[in-house]
C-alpha cells in the first residue's frame, strides 16, 4: 500500500509541474493547458498565436481525413 501512495505522489508532482512550452507558465496559473506530442501550450499563447496568424493573412484550416475541411 505504501508503494501505491508513493506512485500517486509522484504522478501528482509530475502533473502539477506541467508548464506551457512557450511562456513557461505553470498549469495552475493558466485557464487551459493543451498537450501536444512533445510540448504544451496555454490558452493565452494560443490566443496570441491566432492573432499573429490573422495579422499575416490568416490561415487555412487543416484538412480532415477524407478530404473535408473543418
N, C-alpha and C. Protein backbone atom coordinates (compact mmCIF):
# COMPACT_ATOMS: atom_id res chain seq x y z
N UNK A 1 0.81 -1.19 0.00
CA UNK A 1 0.00 0.00 0.00
C UNK A 1 0.86 1.26 0.00
N UNK A 2 1.98 1.23 0.68
CA UNK A 2 2.88 2.37 0.70
C UNK A 2 3.41 2.70 -0.68
N UNK A 3 3.66 1.66 -1.48
CA UNK A 3 4.16 1.87 -2.83
C UNK A 3 3.13 2.59 -3.69
N UNK A 4 1.87 2.23 -3.56
CA UNK A 4 0.81 2.88 -4.34
C UNK A 4 0.73 4.36 -4.00
N UNK A 5 0.80 4.69 -2.74
CA UNK A 5 0.72 6.11 -2.37
C UNK A 5 1.95 6.87 -2.88
N UNK A 6 3.11 6.23 -2.91
CA UNK A 6 4.30 6.88 -3.47
C UNK A 6 4.12 7.12 -4.96
N UNK A 7 3.55 6.17 -5.68
CA UNK A 7 3.29 6.35 -7.11
C UNK A 7 2.30 7.49 -7.33
N UNK A 8 1.27 7.55 -6.51
CA UNK A 8 0.28 8.63 -6.64
C UNK A 8 0.94 9.98 -6.37
N UNK A 9 1.79 10.06 -5.38
CA UNK A 9 2.50 11.31 -5.08
C UNK A 9 3.39 11.72 -6.24
N UNK A 10 4.11 10.76 -6.81
CA UNK A 10 4.99 11.07 -7.94
C UNK A 10 4.20 11.55 -9.15
N UNK A 11 3.07 10.93 -9.42
CA UNK A 11 2.22 11.38 -10.53
C UNK A 11 1.71 12.79 -10.29
N UNK A 12 1.32 13.09 -9.05
CA UNK A 12 0.83 14.42 -8.72
C UNK A 12 1.93 15.45 -8.95
N UNK A 13 3.15 15.14 -8.54
CA UNK A 13 4.27 16.07 -8.75
C UNK A 13 4.50 16.30 -10.23
N UNK A 14 4.46 15.25 -11.02
CA UNK A 14 4.65 15.38 -12.46
C UNK A 14 3.53 16.22 -13.06
N UNK A 15 2.28 15.92 -12.70
CA UNK A 15 1.14 16.64 -13.27
C UNK A 15 1.18 18.11 -12.87
N UNK A 16 1.44 18.39 -11.61
CA UNK A 16 1.41 19.76 -11.14
C UNK A 16 2.59 20.57 -11.66
N UNK A 17 3.61 19.91 -12.20
CA UNK A 17 4.77 20.60 -12.73
C UNK A 17 4.67 20.93 -14.20
N UNK A 18 3.53 20.64 -14.84
CA UNK A 18 3.40 20.92 -16.26
C UNK A 18 3.42 22.42 -16.50
N UNK A 19 4.08 22.81 -17.59
CA UNK A 19 4.21 24.23 -17.93
C UNK A 19 3.98 24.42 -19.42
N UNK A 20 3.59 25.63 -19.78
CA UNK A 20 3.48 26.00 -21.19
C UNK A 20 4.88 26.01 -21.77
N UNK A 21 5.07 25.36 -22.89
CA UNK A 21 6.38 25.29 -23.53
C UNK A 21 6.78 26.62 -24.16
N UNK A 22 5.84 27.55 -24.29
CA UNK A 22 6.11 28.82 -24.95
C UNK A 22 6.39 29.95 -23.95
N UNK A 23 5.53 30.09 -22.94
CA UNK A 23 5.69 31.20 -21.98
C UNK A 23 6.22 30.73 -20.63
N UNK A 24 6.15 29.43 -20.34
CA UNK A 24 6.68 28.91 -19.09
C UNK A 24 5.73 28.93 -17.91
N UNK A 25 4.50 29.43 -18.12
CA UNK A 25 3.55 29.47 -17.01
C UNK A 25 3.14 28.06 -16.59
N UNK A 26 2.92 27.90 -15.29
CA UNK A 26 2.52 26.59 -14.76
C UNK A 26 1.05 26.33 -15.05
N UNK A 27 0.68 25.06 -15.06
CA UNK A 27 -0.69 24.66 -15.37
C UNK A 27 -1.70 25.25 -14.40
N UNK A 28 -1.30 25.50 -13.17
CA UNK A 28 -2.24 26.05 -12.19
C UNK A 28 -2.40 27.56 -12.30
N UNK A 29 -1.69 28.21 -13.23
CA UNK A 29 -1.83 29.66 -13.38
C UNK A 29 -2.37 30.05 -14.76
N UNK A 30 -2.87 29.07 -15.51
CA UNK A 30 -3.48 29.35 -16.80
C UNK A 30 -4.88 28.75 -16.83
N UNK A 31 -5.69 29.22 -17.78
CA UNK A 31 -7.05 28.69 -17.88
C UNK A 31 -7.07 27.26 -18.40
N UNK A 32 -6.26 26.99 -19.41
CA UNK A 32 -6.22 25.66 -20.02
C UNK A 32 -4.83 25.41 -20.56
N UNK A 33 -4.36 24.20 -20.46
CA UNK A 33 -3.07 23.79 -20.99
C UNK A 33 -3.31 22.63 -21.95
N UNK A 34 -2.98 22.84 -23.22
CA UNK A 34 -3.21 21.84 -24.25
C UNK A 34 -1.93 21.06 -24.46
N UNK A 35 -2.02 19.73 -24.43
CA UNK A 35 -0.85 18.87 -24.59
C UNK A 35 -0.71 18.44 -26.04
N UNK A 36 0.51 18.54 -26.54
CA UNK A 36 0.85 18.02 -27.86
C UNK A 36 1.73 16.81 -27.70
N UNK A 37 2.33 16.36 -28.80
CA UNK A 37 3.18 15.18 -28.75
C UNK A 37 4.38 15.37 -27.83
N UNK A 38 4.98 16.56 -27.88
CA UNK A 38 6.17 16.79 -27.06
C UNK A 38 6.21 18.19 -26.43
N UNK A 39 5.07 18.88 -26.42
CA UNK A 39 5.02 20.23 -25.88
C UNK A 39 3.63 20.52 -25.35
N UNK A 40 3.53 21.59 -24.56
CA UNK A 40 2.25 22.06 -24.03
C UNK A 40 2.12 23.53 -24.39
N UNK A 41 0.88 23.99 -24.63
CA UNK A 41 0.64 25.40 -24.91
C UNK A 41 -0.59 25.85 -24.14
N UNK A 42 -0.48 27.03 -23.52
CA UNK A 42 -1.60 27.53 -22.72
C UNK A 42 -2.57 28.32 -23.60
N UNK A 43 -3.76 28.56 -23.05
CA UNK A 43 -4.80 29.26 -23.80
C UNK A 43 -4.38 30.68 -24.18
N UNK A 44 -3.60 31.35 -23.35
CA UNK A 44 -3.16 32.70 -23.66
C UNK A 44 -2.18 32.71 -24.84
N UNK A 45 -1.28 31.73 -24.89
CA UNK A 45 -0.34 31.65 -26.02
C UNK A 45 -1.07 31.27 -27.31
N UNK A 46 -2.11 30.45 -27.21
CA UNK A 46 -2.92 30.12 -28.39
C UNK A 46 -3.58 31.38 -28.92
N UNK A 47 -4.13 32.21 -28.03
CA UNK A 47 -4.77 33.46 -28.44
C UNK A 47 -3.77 34.37 -29.15
N UNK A 48 -2.57 34.48 -28.60
CA UNK A 48 -1.53 35.32 -29.22
C UNK A 48 -1.13 34.76 -30.58
N UNK A 49 -1.03 33.45 -30.68
CA UNK A 49 -0.65 32.80 -31.94
C UNK A 49 -1.69 33.06 -33.02
N UNK A 50 -2.95 32.93 -32.68
CA UNK A 50 -4.03 33.20 -33.64
C UNK A 50 -3.99 34.66 -34.09
N UNK A 51 -3.72 35.58 -33.17
CA UNK A 51 -3.64 37.00 -33.52
C UNK A 51 -2.51 37.25 -34.51
N UNK A 52 -1.36 36.63 -34.30
CA UNK A 52 -0.23 36.78 -35.22
C UNK A 52 -0.58 36.22 -36.59
N UNK A 53 -1.20 35.06 -36.62
CA UNK A 53 -1.59 34.46 -37.91
C UNK A 53 -2.58 35.35 -38.65
N UNK A 54 -3.53 35.93 -37.93
CA UNK A 54 -4.51 36.81 -38.56
C UNK A 54 -3.86 38.07 -39.10
N UNK A 55 -2.86 38.59 -38.43
CA UNK A 55 -2.14 39.77 -38.89
C UNK A 55 -1.39 39.49 -40.20
N UNK A 56 -1.03 38.26 -40.41
CA UNK A 56 -0.26 37.87 -41.59
C UNK A 56 -1.11 37.12 -42.61
N UNK A 57 -2.36 37.51 -42.72
CA UNK A 57 -3.21 36.94 -43.75
C UNK A 57 -4.04 35.76 -43.35
N UNK A 58 -4.08 35.45 -42.09
CA UNK A 58 -4.90 34.33 -41.64
C UNK A 58 -4.26 33.00 -41.92
N UNK A 59 -5.05 31.97 -41.83
CA UNK A 59 -4.56 30.62 -42.08
C UNK A 59 -5.72 29.77 -42.58
N UNK A 60 -5.39 28.75 -43.30
CA UNK A 60 -6.38 27.81 -43.82
C UNK A 60 -6.48 26.65 -42.85
N UNK A 61 -7.68 26.30 -42.42
CA UNK A 61 -7.83 25.15 -41.51
C UNK A 61 -7.27 23.88 -42.15
N UNK A 62 -6.69 23.04 -41.35
CA UNK A 62 -6.14 21.78 -41.84
C UNK A 62 -7.26 20.89 -42.35
N UNK A 63 -6.96 20.09 -43.34
CA UNK A 63 -7.95 19.16 -43.88
C UNK A 63 -8.16 18.00 -42.93
N UNK A 64 -9.39 17.54 -42.88
CA UNK A 64 -9.72 16.37 -42.08
C UNK A 64 -9.54 15.15 -42.97
N UNK A 65 -9.36 13.98 -42.38
CA UNK A 65 -9.30 12.75 -43.18
C UNK A 65 -10.52 12.63 -44.07
N UNK A 66 -10.33 12.23 -45.28
CA UNK A 66 -11.44 12.10 -46.21
C UNK A 66 -11.60 13.30 -47.10
N UNK A 67 -10.68 14.29 -46.96
CA UNK A 67 -10.70 15.44 -47.86
C UNK A 67 -11.61 16.58 -47.45
N UNK A 68 -12.35 16.45 -46.35
CA UNK A 68 -13.23 17.53 -45.90
C UNK A 68 -12.42 18.50 -45.07
N UNK A 69 -12.70 19.79 -45.21
CA UNK A 69 -12.04 20.75 -44.33
C UNK A 69 -12.95 21.06 -43.17
N UNK A 70 -12.39 21.58 -42.08
CA UNK A 70 -13.17 21.88 -40.88
C UNK A 70 -14.13 22.99 -41.08
